[in-house]
């Protein structure tokens, strides 16, 4: 990375962080370029060198958050989608410590960013991210388990909503509970090991 690229990257990162800070306090539609520049410590002309408008910055900030998240996974874990068709079914179960540990580590180390992404889910077009993940990851996996196509979105929403609820409970406690204990709760619930005795 040369000096100009480094400078550009640093400025972009400042603006991403500024937008995240502002999104903690208010809805995206109420955030102005003037506010972003003030928080980032840059002038308006610098903003317009990088972006046409705040929507452009929001797209980049969403990418910044996703890149930060994916950086927690090993290259082998990231490339699993290339092996969907030929790997064993047991390798298609992602509710394991191998996948949950980097995810929960990201959540714990980036609590502010994760909360902003949840709070601003619609503004940040996270539903598009979910749709891409469904089409390229979850749908092929569910097909390998012979789940009828018309049932796949229901099944996935059921599991993801449950996992998300556990993570939000952990987040409400500032991620103070032991991560391995939380992973065990998730895997027990998803894999049917957790029962309520009546």
N, C-alpha and C. Protein backbone atom coordinates (compact mmCIF):
# COMPACT_ATOMS: atom_id res chain seq x y z
N UNK A 1 0.85 -1.18 0.00
CA UNK A 1 0.00 0.00 0.00
C UNK A 1 0.90 1.24 0.00
N UNK A 2 0.74 2.11 -1.00
CA UNK A 2 1.56 3.32 -1.03
C UNK A 2 0.98 4.39 -0.11
N UNK A 3 1.71 5.50 -0.02
CA UNK A 3 1.33 6.55 0.94
C UNK A 3 -0.07 7.10 0.67
N UNK A 4 -0.38 7.35 -0.62
CA UNK A 4 -1.71 7.88 -0.97
C UNK A 4 -2.83 6.90 -0.66
N UNK A 5 -2.59 5.61 -0.97
CA UNK A 5 -3.59 4.58 -0.65
C UNK A 5 -3.79 4.49 0.85
N UNK A 6 -2.69 4.56 1.60
CA UNK A 6 -2.76 4.49 3.06
C UNK A 6 -3.54 5.67 3.62
N UNK A 7 -3.29 6.86 3.07
CA UNK A 7 -4.00 8.07 3.51
C UNK A 7 -5.49 7.94 3.20
N UNK A 8 -5.80 7.46 1.98
CA UNK A 8 -7.19 7.27 1.58
C UNK A 8 -7.88 6.27 2.52
N UNK A 9 -7.20 5.15 2.79
CA UNK A 9 -7.75 4.12 3.66
C UNK A 9 -7.99 4.67 5.07
N UNK A 10 -7.03 5.42 5.60
CA UNK A 10 -7.17 5.98 6.95
C UNK A 10 -8.34 6.96 7.04
N UNK A 11 -8.50 7.78 5.99
CA UNK A 11 -9.62 8.73 5.97
C UNK A 11 -10.95 7.99 5.89
N UNK A 12 -11.01 6.98 5.03
CA UNK A 12 -12.23 6.18 4.89
C UNK A 12 -12.57 5.51 6.23
N UNK A 13 -11.56 4.98 6.90
CA UNK A 13 -11.79 4.31 8.19
C UNK A 13 -12.31 5.31 9.23
N UNK A 14 -11.76 6.53 9.22
CA UNK A 14 -12.23 7.58 10.15
C UNK A 14 -13.71 7.86 9.91
N UNK A 15 -14.08 7.92 8.63
CA UNK A 15 -15.48 8.23 8.31
C UNK A 15 -16.40 7.06 8.65
N UNK A 16 -15.92 5.84 8.45
CA UNK A 16 -16.71 4.66 8.85
C UNK A 16 -16.96 4.69 10.35
N UNK A 17 -15.90 4.94 11.11
CA UNK A 17 -16.02 4.98 12.58
C UNK A 17 -16.91 6.13 13.03
N UNK A 18 -16.82 7.27 12.33
CA UNK A 18 -17.66 8.42 12.66
C UNK A 18 -19.13 8.09 12.45
N UNK A 19 -19.42 7.42 11.32
CA UNK A 19 -20.81 7.06 11.04
C UNK A 19 -21.32 6.05 12.06
N UNK A 20 -20.50 5.09 12.44
CA UNK A 20 -20.91 4.11 13.46
C UNK A 20 -21.24 4.82 14.76
N UNK A 21 -20.39 5.77 15.15
CA UNK A 21 -20.62 6.54 16.38
C UNK A 21 -21.94 7.30 16.32
N UNK A 22 -22.22 7.92 15.19
CA UNK A 22 -23.47 8.67 15.02
C UNK A 22 -24.68 7.74 14.97
N UNK A 23 -24.52 6.56 14.36
CA UNK A 23 -25.63 5.60 14.28
C UNK A 23 -26.00 5.05 15.65
N UNK A 24 -25.09 5.12 16.60
CA UNK A 24 -25.41 4.70 17.97
C UNK A 24 -26.44 5.64 18.58
N UNK A 25 -26.43 6.90 18.12
CA UNK A 25 -27.25 7.93 18.75
C UNK A 25 -28.53 8.27 18.00
N UNK A 26 -28.51 8.08 16.67
CA UNK A 26 -29.70 8.48 15.90
C UNK A 26 -29.85 7.65 14.64
N UNK A 27 -31.03 7.76 14.05
CA UNK A 27 -31.34 7.03 12.83
C UNK A 27 -30.54 7.61 11.67
N UNK A 28 -30.20 6.76 10.72
CA UNK A 28 -29.38 7.18 9.58
C UNK A 28 -29.97 8.37 8.84
N UNK A 29 -31.28 8.39 8.67
CA UNK A 29 -31.92 9.45 7.88
C UNK A 29 -31.73 10.84 8.48
N UNK A 30 -31.36 10.92 9.76
CA UNK A 30 -31.15 12.22 10.42
C UNK A 30 -29.68 12.63 10.50
N UNK A 31 -28.79 11.82 9.95
CA UNK A 31 -27.36 12.11 10.02
C UNK A 31 -26.94 12.93 8.80
N UNK A 32 -26.22 14.02 9.05
CA UNK A 32 -25.80 14.90 7.96
C UNK A 32 -24.31 14.74 7.66
N UNK A 33 -23.94 15.18 6.47
CA UNK A 33 -22.52 15.16 6.08
C UNK A 33 -21.72 16.04 7.03
N UNK A 34 -22.29 17.17 7.42
CA UNK A 34 -21.61 18.09 8.34
C UNK A 34 -21.25 17.38 9.65
N UNK A 35 -22.20 16.59 10.19
CA UNK A 35 -21.94 15.86 11.43
C UNK A 35 -20.85 14.80 11.25
N UNK A 36 -20.94 14.08 10.14
CA UNK A 36 -19.95 13.03 9.86
C UNK A 36 -18.55 13.65 9.80
N UNK A 37 -18.43 14.76 9.08
CA UNK A 37 -17.13 15.42 8.93
C UNK A 37 -16.61 15.93 10.28
N UNK A 38 -17.50 16.47 11.09
CA UNK A 38 -17.09 16.98 12.41
C UNK A 38 -16.56 15.85 13.29
N UNK A 39 -17.28 14.72 13.32
CA UNK A 39 -16.85 13.58 14.14
C UNK A 39 -15.57 12.95 13.59
N UNK A 40 -15.46 12.87 12.27
CA UNK A 40 -14.28 12.25 11.64
C UNK A 40 -13.07 13.18 11.64
N UNK A 41 -13.31 14.48 11.84
CA UNK A 41 -12.20 15.45 11.81
C UNK A 41 -11.70 15.72 10.41
N UNK A 42 -12.62 15.73 9.43
CA UNK A 42 -12.25 16.03 8.05
C UNK A 42 -13.18 17.13 7.52
N UNK A 43 -12.80 17.76 6.40
CA UNK A 43 -13.67 18.78 5.85
C UNK A 43 -14.59 18.19 4.76
N UNK A 44 -15.57 18.97 4.37
CA UNK A 44 -16.57 18.50 3.40
C UNK A 44 -15.95 18.09 2.07
N UNK A 45 -14.94 18.85 1.64
CA UNK A 45 -14.32 18.51 0.35
C UNK A 45 -13.66 17.14 0.40
N UNK A 46 -13.12 16.76 1.56
CA UNK A 46 -12.53 15.43 1.72
C UNK A 46 -13.64 14.38 1.64
N UNK A 47 -14.77 14.66 2.26
CA UNK A 47 -15.91 13.73 2.19
C UNK A 47 -16.26 13.47 0.72
N UNK A 48 -16.38 14.56 -0.06
CA UNK A 48 -16.81 14.42 -1.45
C UNK A 48 -15.74 13.82 -2.36
N UNK A 49 -14.50 13.76 -1.90
CA UNK A 49 -13.46 13.04 -2.64
C UNK A 49 -13.71 11.53 -2.57
N UNK A 50 -14.35 11.10 -1.47
CA UNK A 50 -14.59 9.67 -1.22
C UNK A 50 -15.99 9.21 -1.62
N UNK A 51 -16.98 10.05 -1.39
CA UNK A 51 -18.38 9.64 -1.54
C UNK A 51 -19.21 10.71 -2.23
N UNK A 52 -20.29 10.24 -2.87
CA UNK A 52 -21.24 11.19 -3.47
C UNK A 52 -22.21 11.71 -2.41
N UNK A 53 -22.58 10.84 -1.48
CA UNK A 53 -23.57 11.21 -0.47
C UNK A 53 -23.44 10.28 0.74
N UNK A 54 -24.30 10.46 1.72
CA UNK A 54 -24.23 9.64 2.94
C UNK A 54 -24.58 8.17 2.67
N UNK A 55 -25.43 7.94 1.66
CA UNK A 55 -25.79 6.55 1.32
C UNK A 55 -24.56 5.77 0.85
N UNK A 56 -23.67 6.45 0.09
CA UNK A 56 -22.42 5.81 -0.33
C UNK A 56 -21.57 5.42 0.87
N UNK A 57 -21.48 6.35 1.82
CA UNK A 57 -20.70 6.06 3.03
C UNK A 57 -21.33 4.91 3.81
N UNK A 58 -22.65 4.87 3.89
CA UNK A 58 -23.33 3.80 4.61
C UNK A 58 -23.01 2.44 4.00
N UNK A 59 -23.00 2.37 2.67
CA UNK A 59 -22.65 1.11 1.99
C UNK A 59 -21.23 0.68 2.37
N UNK A 60 -20.32 1.64 2.34
CA UNK A 60 -18.93 1.33 2.68
C UNK A 60 -18.81 0.91 4.15
N UNK A 61 -19.55 1.58 5.03
CA UNK A 61 -19.49 1.26 6.46
C UNK A 61 -20.03 -0.15 6.71
N UNK A 62 -21.07 -0.52 6.00
CA UNK A 62 -21.61 -1.88 6.11
C UNK A 62 -20.55 -2.89 5.67
N UNK A 63 -19.87 -2.60 4.55
CA UNK A 63 -18.79 -3.46 4.07
C UNK A 63 -17.65 -3.54 5.09
N UNK A 64 -17.34 -2.40 5.70
CA UNK A 64 -16.29 -2.30 6.73
C UNK A 64 -16.62 -3.23 7.90
N UNK A 65 -17.88 -3.21 8.35
CA UNK A 65 -18.32 -4.06 9.46
C UNK A 65 -18.24 -5.53 9.07
N UNK A 66 -18.72 -5.86 7.86
CA UNK A 66 -18.69 -7.25 7.41
C UNK A 66 -17.26 -7.76 7.24
N UNK A 67 -16.38 -6.93 6.68
CA UNK A 67 -14.98 -7.32 6.53
C UNK A 67 -14.33 -7.55 7.89
N UNK A 68 -14.65 -6.68 8.82
CA UNK A 68 -14.12 -6.81 10.19
C UNK A 68 -14.59 -8.14 10.79
N UNK A 69 -15.85 -8.48 10.54
CA UNK A 69 -16.42 -9.74 11.04
C UNK A 69 -15.73 -10.94 10.40
N UNK A 70 -15.66 -10.95 9.07
CA UNK A 70 -15.09 -12.11 8.36
C UNK A 70 -13.62 -12.32 8.66
N UNK A 71 -12.93 -11.26 9.09
CA UNK A 71 -11.50 -11.38 9.43
C UNK A 71 -11.28 -12.31 10.63
N UNK A 72 -12.33 -12.58 11.39
CA UNK A 72 -12.21 -13.45 12.57
C UNK A 72 -12.17 -14.94 12.18
N UNK A 73 -12.49 -15.26 10.94
CA UNK A 73 -12.54 -16.66 10.50
C UNK A 73 -11.26 -17.03 9.75
N UNK A 74 -10.88 -18.28 9.89
CA UNK A 74 -9.71 -18.76 9.15
C UNK A 74 -10.03 -18.85 7.67
N UNK A 75 -9.00 -18.87 6.84
CA UNK A 75 -9.21 -18.98 5.39
C UNK A 75 -9.94 -20.27 5.04
N UNK A 76 -9.63 -21.34 5.76
CA UNK A 76 -10.29 -22.62 5.51
C UNK A 76 -11.78 -22.55 5.83
N UNK A 77 -12.11 -21.89 6.94
CA UNK A 77 -13.52 -21.72 7.33
C UNK A 77 -14.25 -20.87 6.30
N UNK A 78 -13.60 -19.80 5.82
CA UNK A 78 -14.23 -18.90 4.85
C UNK A 78 -14.51 -19.60 3.52
N UNK A 79 -13.69 -20.59 3.16
CA UNK A 79 -13.83 -21.21 1.85
C UNK A 79 -14.73 -22.45 1.84
N UNK A 80 -15.46 -22.69 2.92
CA UNK A 80 -16.30 -23.89 3.03
C UNK A 80 -17.31 -23.97 1.89
N UNK A 81 -17.82 -22.81 1.43
CA UNK A 81 -18.86 -22.82 0.40
C UNK A 81 -18.39 -23.49 -0.89
N UNK A 82 -17.09 -23.51 -1.13
CA UNK A 82 -16.57 -24.16 -2.34
C UNK A 82 -16.62 -25.69 -2.23
N UNK A 83 -16.84 -26.20 -1.02
CA UNK A 83 -16.83 -27.65 -0.81
C UNK A 83 -18.22 -28.22 -0.52
N UNK A 84 -19.27 -27.40 -0.62
CA UNK A 84 -20.62 -27.84 -0.27
C UNK A 84 -21.05 -29.11 -0.99
N UNK A 85 -20.79 -29.16 -2.27
CA UNK A 85 -21.31 -30.26 -3.08
C UNK A 85 -20.67 -31.61 -2.75
N UNK A 86 -19.42 -31.60 -2.31
CA UNK A 86 -18.70 -32.86 -2.15
C UNK A 86 -18.34 -33.26 -0.72
N UNK A 87 -18.45 -32.35 0.22
CA UNK A 87 -18.03 -32.70 1.58
C UNK A 87 -19.08 -33.58 2.28
N UNK A 88 -18.67 -34.19 3.38
CA UNK A 88 -19.60 -34.99 4.18
C UNK A 88 -20.66 -34.09 4.79
N UNK A 89 -21.84 -34.65 5.05
CA UNK A 89 -22.91 -33.87 5.67
C UNK A 89 -22.48 -33.32 7.03
N UNK A 90 -21.71 -34.09 7.78
CA UNK A 90 -21.30 -33.62 9.12
C UNK A 90 -20.47 -32.33 9.03
N UNK A 91 -19.80 -32.11 7.89
CA UNK A 91 -19.01 -30.89 7.70
C UNK A 91 -19.88 -29.69 7.33
N UNK A 92 -21.17 -29.92 7.14
CA UNK A 92 -22.10 -28.85 6.80
C UNK A 92 -22.84 -28.31 8.02
N UNK A 93 -22.54 -28.85 9.18
CA UNK A 93 -23.16 -28.36 10.42
C UNK A 93 -22.27 -27.24 10.96
N UNK A 94 -22.80 -26.01 10.88
CA UNK A 94 -22.01 -24.85 11.27
C UNK A 94 -22.22 -24.44 12.73
N UNK A 95 -23.11 -25.13 13.42
CA UNK A 95 -23.36 -24.79 14.82
C UNK A 95 -22.39 -25.61 15.66
N UNK A 96 -21.12 -25.23 15.54
CA UNK A 96 -20.04 -25.90 16.26
C UNK A 96 -19.11 -24.83 16.81
N UNK A 97 -18.26 -25.21 17.74
CA UNK A 97 -17.30 -24.27 18.32
C UNK A 97 -16.40 -23.67 17.24
N UNK A 98 -16.08 -24.44 16.19
CA UNK A 98 -15.21 -23.96 15.12
C UNK A 98 -15.76 -22.69 14.46
N UNK A 99 -17.09 -22.63 14.29
CA UNK A 99 -17.71 -21.47 13.66
C UNK A 99 -18.24 -20.47 14.67
N UNK A 100 -18.72 -20.95 15.82
CA UNK A 100 -19.29 -20.04 16.81
C UNK A 100 -18.22 -19.24 17.56
N UNK A 101 -17.05 -19.83 17.77
CA UNK A 101 -16.00 -19.11 18.51
C UNK A 101 -15.58 -17.82 17.81
N UNK A 102 -15.25 -17.85 16.50
CA UNK A 102 -14.90 -16.57 15.87
C UNK A 102 -16.07 -15.58 15.83
N UNK A 103 -17.28 -16.11 15.64
CA UNK A 103 -18.46 -15.23 15.61
C UNK A 103 -18.65 -14.54 16.95
N UNK A 104 -18.64 -15.31 18.03
CA UNK A 104 -18.84 -14.73 19.36
C UNK A 104 -17.66 -13.86 19.79
N UNK A 105 -16.47 -14.19 19.33
CA UNK A 105 -15.30 -13.36 19.63
C UNK A 105 -15.47 -11.99 18.96
N UNK A 106 -15.95 -12.00 17.72
CA UNK A 106 -16.23 -10.74 17.04
C UNK A 106 -17.27 -9.93 17.83
N UNK A 107 -18.35 -10.59 18.24
CA UNK A 107 -19.40 -9.90 18.99
C UNK A 107 -18.83 -9.30 20.27
N UNK A 108 -18.07 -10.08 21.01
CA UNK A 108 -17.51 -9.63 22.30
C UNK A 108 -16.54 -8.47 22.11
N UNK A 109 -15.69 -8.55 21.11
CA UNK A 109 -14.66 -7.52 20.91
C UNK A 109 -15.18 -6.30 20.17
N UNK A 110 -16.38 -6.40 19.61
CA UNK A 110 -16.96 -5.29 18.83
C UNK A 110 -18.41 -5.07 19.23
N UNK A 111 -18.67 -5.02 20.52
CA UNK A 111 -20.05 -4.92 21.00
C UNK A 111 -20.76 -3.69 20.45
N UNK A 112 -20.07 -2.55 20.44
CA UNK A 112 -20.65 -1.31 19.91
C UNK A 112 -21.09 -1.49 18.46
N UNK A 113 -20.17 -2.01 17.65
CA UNK A 113 -20.44 -2.17 16.20
C UNK A 113 -21.58 -3.15 15.99
N UNK A 114 -21.58 -4.25 16.74
CA UNK A 114 -22.62 -5.26 16.59
C UNK A 114 -23.99 -4.68 16.94
N UNK A 115 -24.05 -3.90 18.04
CA UNK A 115 -25.32 -3.28 18.44
C UNK A 115 -25.81 -2.29 17.39
N UNK A 116 -24.88 -1.54 16.79
CA UNK A 116 -25.27 -0.59 15.74
C UNK A 116 -25.84 -1.35 14.54
N UNK A 117 -25.18 -2.44 14.16
CA UNK A 117 -25.65 -3.23 13.01
C UNK A 117 -27.05 -3.78 13.26
N UNK A 118 -27.34 -4.16 14.51
CA UNK A 118 -28.67 -4.66 14.84
C UNK A 118 -29.68 -3.51 14.84
N UNK A 119 -29.30 -2.42 15.48
CA UNK A 119 -30.20 -1.26 15.59
C UNK A 119 -30.53 -0.69 14.21
N UNK A 120 -29.55 -0.67 13.33
CA UNK A 120 -29.71 -0.07 12.00
C UNK A 120 -29.83 -1.13 10.90
N UNK A 121 -30.39 -2.28 11.26
CA UNK A 121 -30.46 -3.43 10.37
C UNK A 121 -31.01 -3.06 8.99
N UNK A 122 -32.13 -2.35 8.97
CA UNK A 122 -32.76 -2.00 7.69
C UNK A 122 -31.98 -0.93 6.94
N UNK A 123 -31.53 0.10 7.66
CA UNK A 123 -30.76 1.18 7.01
C UNK A 123 -29.51 0.64 6.34
N UNK A 124 -28.86 -0.33 7.00
CA UNK A 124 -27.60 -0.87 6.49
C UNK A 124 -27.83 -1.99 5.47
N UNK A 125 -29.09 -2.23 5.11
CA UNK A 125 -29.43 -3.26 4.12
C UNK A 125 -28.88 -4.64 4.50
N UNK A 126 -28.93 -4.95 5.79
CA UNK A 126 -28.44 -6.25 6.24
C UNK A 126 -29.31 -7.39 5.72
N UNK A 127 -30.56 -7.06 5.33
CA UNK A 127 -31.41 -8.10 4.75
C UNK A 127 -30.84 -8.59 3.41
N UNK A 128 -30.15 -7.69 2.68
CA UNK A 128 -29.49 -8.10 1.44
C UNK A 128 -28.35 -9.08 1.74
N UNK A 129 -27.63 -8.80 2.83
CA UNK A 129 -26.54 -9.69 3.26
C UNK A 129 -27.12 -11.05 3.61
N UNK A 130 -28.24 -11.04 4.35
CA UNK A 130 -28.90 -12.29 4.73
C UNK A 130 -29.34 -13.06 3.48
N UNK A 131 -29.93 -12.35 2.51
CA UNK A 131 -30.39 -13.01 1.27
C UNK A 131 -29.24 -13.67 0.52
N UNK A 132 -28.09 -12.97 0.46
CA UNK A 132 -26.92 -13.55 -0.21
C UNK A 132 -26.44 -14.79 0.52
N UNK A 133 -26.41 -14.71 1.86
CA UNK A 133 -25.97 -15.86 2.65
C UNK A 133 -26.94 -17.02 2.47
N UNK A 134 -28.24 -16.72 2.40
CA UNK A 134 -29.23 -17.78 2.21
C UNK A 134 -29.01 -18.46 0.86
N UNK A 135 -28.86 -17.65 -0.18
CA UNK A 135 -28.75 -18.21 -1.53
C UNK A 135 -27.45 -18.96 -1.77
N UNK A 136 -26.35 -18.47 -1.20
CA UNK A 136 -25.04 -19.06 -1.50
C UNK A 136 -24.53 -20.04 -0.44
N UNK A 137 -25.09 -19.96 0.77
CA UNK A 137 -24.59 -20.85 1.84
C UNK A 137 -25.71 -21.75 2.38
N UNK A 138 -26.72 -21.12 2.98
CA UNK A 138 -27.73 -21.92 3.68
C UNK A 138 -28.59 -22.78 2.76
N UNK A 139 -29.03 -22.23 1.65
CA UNK A 139 -29.88 -22.99 0.74
C UNK A 139 -29.18 -24.24 0.21
N UNK A 140 -27.92 -24.14 -0.26
CA UNK A 140 -27.23 -25.36 -0.71
C UNK A 140 -27.04 -26.39 0.42
N UNK A 141 -26.82 -25.91 1.63
CA UNK A 141 -26.65 -26.84 2.76
C UNK A 141 -27.97 -27.57 3.05
N UNK A 142 -29.06 -26.80 3.13
CA UNK A 142 -30.36 -27.42 3.41
C UNK A 142 -30.76 -28.39 2.30
N UNK A 143 -30.36 -28.08 1.08
CA UNK A 143 -30.64 -29.01 -0.04
C UNK A 143 -29.90 -30.33 0.18
N UNK A 144 -28.68 -30.26 0.68
CA UNK A 144 -27.91 -31.48 0.94
C UNK A 144 -28.55 -32.34 2.03
N UNK A 145 -29.34 -31.70 2.91
CA UNK A 145 -30.05 -32.44 3.96
C UNK A 145 -31.48 -32.81 3.53
N UNK A 146 -31.76 -32.63 2.25
CA UNK A 146 -33.04 -33.00 1.66
C UNK A 146 -34.23 -32.27 2.29
N UNK A 147 -34.00 -31.03 2.75
CA UNK A 147 -35.11 -30.21 3.28
C UNK A 147 -35.87 -29.67 2.07
N UNK A 148 -37.21 -29.89 2.00
CA UNK A 148 -37.98 -29.37 0.86
C UNK A 148 -37.78 -27.86 0.70
N UNK A 149 -37.68 -27.42 -0.53
CA UNK A 149 -37.38 -26.02 -0.82
C UNK A 149 -38.35 -25.05 -0.16
N UNK A 150 -39.64 -25.39 -0.14
CA UNK A 150 -40.64 -24.48 0.43
C UNK A 150 -40.56 -24.39 1.95
N UNK A 151 -39.78 -25.26 2.60
CA UNK A 151 -39.64 -25.24 4.07
C UNK A 151 -38.34 -24.58 4.53
N UNK A 152 -37.41 -24.35 3.62
CA UNK A 152 -36.06 -23.93 4.02
C UNK A 152 -36.01 -22.59 4.73
N UNK A 153 -36.73 -21.59 4.20
CA UNK A 153 -36.67 -20.26 4.85
C UNK A 153 -37.27 -20.32 6.25
N UNK A 154 -38.34 -21.11 6.44
CA UNK A 154 -38.96 -21.24 7.76
C UNK A 154 -37.99 -21.86 8.76
N UNK A 155 -37.39 -22.94 8.35
CA UNK A 155 -36.46 -23.67 9.21
C UNK A 155 -35.28 -22.79 9.60
N UNK A 156 -34.73 -22.10 8.62
CA UNK A 156 -33.58 -21.26 8.87
C UNK A 156 -33.93 -20.11 9.81
N UNK A 157 -35.07 -19.46 9.57
CA UNK A 157 -35.49 -18.35 10.45
C UNK A 157 -35.66 -18.85 11.88
N UNK A 158 -36.21 -20.05 12.05
CA UNK A 158 -36.42 -20.62 13.38
C UNK A 158 -35.09 -20.74 14.12
N UNK A 159 -34.12 -21.35 13.47
CA UNK A 159 -32.81 -21.55 14.12
C UNK A 159 -32.06 -20.25 14.32
N UNK A 160 -32.04 -19.40 13.31
CA UNK A 160 -31.29 -18.14 13.43
C UNK A 160 -31.88 -17.23 14.48
N UNK A 161 -33.22 -17.20 14.58
CA UNK A 161 -33.87 -16.37 15.59
C UNK A 161 -33.52 -16.86 16.99
N UNK A 162 -33.50 -18.16 17.18
CA UNK A 162 -33.14 -18.73 18.48
C UNK A 162 -31.69 -18.44 18.85
N UNK A 163 -30.78 -18.65 17.90
CA UNK A 163 -29.36 -18.37 18.15
C UNK A 163 -29.16 -16.89 18.45
N UNK A 164 -29.83 -16.05 17.66
CA UNK A 164 -29.71 -14.61 17.85
C UNK A 164 -30.21 -14.18 19.23
N UNK A 165 -31.31 -14.79 19.70
CA UNK A 165 -31.85 -14.46 21.02
C UNK A 165 -30.84 -14.78 22.13
N UNK A 166 -30.16 -15.91 21.99
CA UNK A 166 -29.14 -16.28 22.98
C UNK A 166 -28.00 -15.27 22.95
N UNK A 167 -27.56 -14.90 21.75
CA UNK A 167 -26.46 -13.94 21.63
C UNK A 167 -26.86 -12.58 22.20
N UNK A 168 -28.09 -12.14 21.94
CA UNK A 168 -28.55 -10.85 22.48
C UNK A 168 -28.61 -10.88 24.00
N UNK A 169 -29.00 -12.01 24.58
CA UNK A 169 -29.00 -12.15 26.05
C UNK A 169 -27.57 -12.02 26.57
N UNK A 170 -26.63 -12.66 25.90
CA UNK A 170 -25.22 -12.59 26.27
C UNK A 170 -24.71 -11.15 26.15
N UNK A 171 -25.12 -10.49 25.08
CA UNK A 171 -24.72 -9.10 24.83
C UNK A 171 -25.30 -8.17 25.90
N UNK A 172 -26.54 -8.43 26.33
CA UNK A 172 -27.16 -7.63 27.40
C UNK A 172 -26.37 -7.72 28.69
N UNK A 173 -25.62 -8.82 28.86
CA UNK A 173 -24.77 -9.01 30.05
C UNK A 173 -23.33 -8.58 29.77
N UNK A 174 -23.15 -7.75 28.72
CA UNK A 174 -21.82 -7.28 28.30
C UNK A 174 -20.86 -8.42 28.02
N UNK A 175 -21.40 -9.54 27.56
CA UNK A 175 -20.61 -10.72 27.19
C UNK A 175 -19.76 -11.22 28.36
N UNK A 176 -20.30 -11.05 29.57
CA UNK A 176 -19.54 -11.43 30.78
C UNK A 176 -19.59 -12.94 31.05
N UNK A 177 -20.63 -13.62 30.59
CA UNK A 177 -20.68 -15.07 30.79
C UNK A 177 -19.62 -15.74 29.91
N UNK A 178 -19.13 -16.88 30.37
CA UNK A 178 -18.09 -17.61 29.65
C UNK A 178 -18.55 -17.96 28.23
N UNK A 179 -17.71 -17.64 27.25
CA UNK A 179 -18.06 -17.88 25.85
C UNK A 179 -18.32 -19.36 25.56
N UNK A 180 -17.52 -20.24 26.15
CA UNK A 180 -17.71 -21.68 25.91
C UNK A 180 -19.05 -22.16 26.45
N UNK A 181 -19.48 -21.57 27.56
CA UNK A 181 -20.79 -21.92 28.12
C UNK A 181 -21.91 -21.49 27.17
N UNK A 182 -21.76 -20.30 26.57
CA UNK A 182 -22.75 -19.80 25.61
C UNK A 182 -22.77 -20.68 24.36
N UNK A 183 -21.59 -21.08 23.90
CA UNK A 183 -21.50 -21.98 22.74
C UNK A 183 -22.21 -23.29 23.03
N UNK A 184 -22.02 -23.81 24.24
CA UNK A 184 -22.67 -25.07 24.62
C UNK A 184 -24.19 -24.91 24.63
N UNK A 185 -24.68 -23.80 25.15
CA UNK A 185 -26.12 -23.54 25.17
C UNK A 185 -26.67 -23.53 23.73
N UNK A 186 -25.97 -22.82 22.84
CA UNK A 186 -26.42 -22.74 21.44
C UNK A 186 -26.42 -24.12 20.79
N UNK A 187 -25.31 -24.84 20.92
CA UNK A 187 -25.22 -26.15 20.26
C UNK A 187 -26.21 -27.13 20.85
N UNK A 188 -26.40 -27.09 22.18
CA UNK A 188 -27.38 -27.98 22.81
C UNK A 188 -28.79 -27.70 22.30
N UNK A 189 -29.14 -26.42 22.19
CA UNK A 189 -30.49 -26.06 21.71
C UNK A 189 -30.69 -26.46 20.26
N UNK A 190 -29.72 -26.15 19.42
CA UNK A 190 -29.87 -26.41 17.99
C UNK A 190 -29.83 -27.91 17.69
N UNK A 191 -28.93 -28.62 18.37
CA UNK A 191 -28.77 -30.04 18.07
C UNK A 191 -29.68 -30.93 18.92
N UNK A 192 -30.57 -30.31 19.70
CA UNK A 192 -31.57 -31.06 20.43
C UNK A 192 -31.08 -31.72 21.71
N UNK A 193 -29.97 -31.22 22.26
CA UNK A 193 -29.44 -31.81 23.49
C UNK A 193 -30.03 -31.16 24.75
N UNK A 194 -30.63 -29.98 24.57
CA UNK A 194 -31.13 -29.23 25.72
C UNK A 194 -32.61 -29.50 25.89
N UNK A 195 -33.00 -30.05 27.04
CA UNK A 195 -34.42 -30.36 27.28
C UNK A 195 -34.85 -29.70 28.58
N UNK A 196 -36.11 -29.36 28.63
CA UNK A 196 -36.68 -28.83 29.88
C UNK A 196 -37.42 -29.97 30.54
N UNK A 197 -37.00 -30.29 31.76
CA UNK A 197 -37.66 -31.40 32.48
C UNK A 197 -38.95 -30.90 33.10
N UNK A 198 -40.02 -31.66 32.89
CA UNK A 198 -41.32 -31.25 33.42
C UNK A 198 -41.74 -32.10 34.58
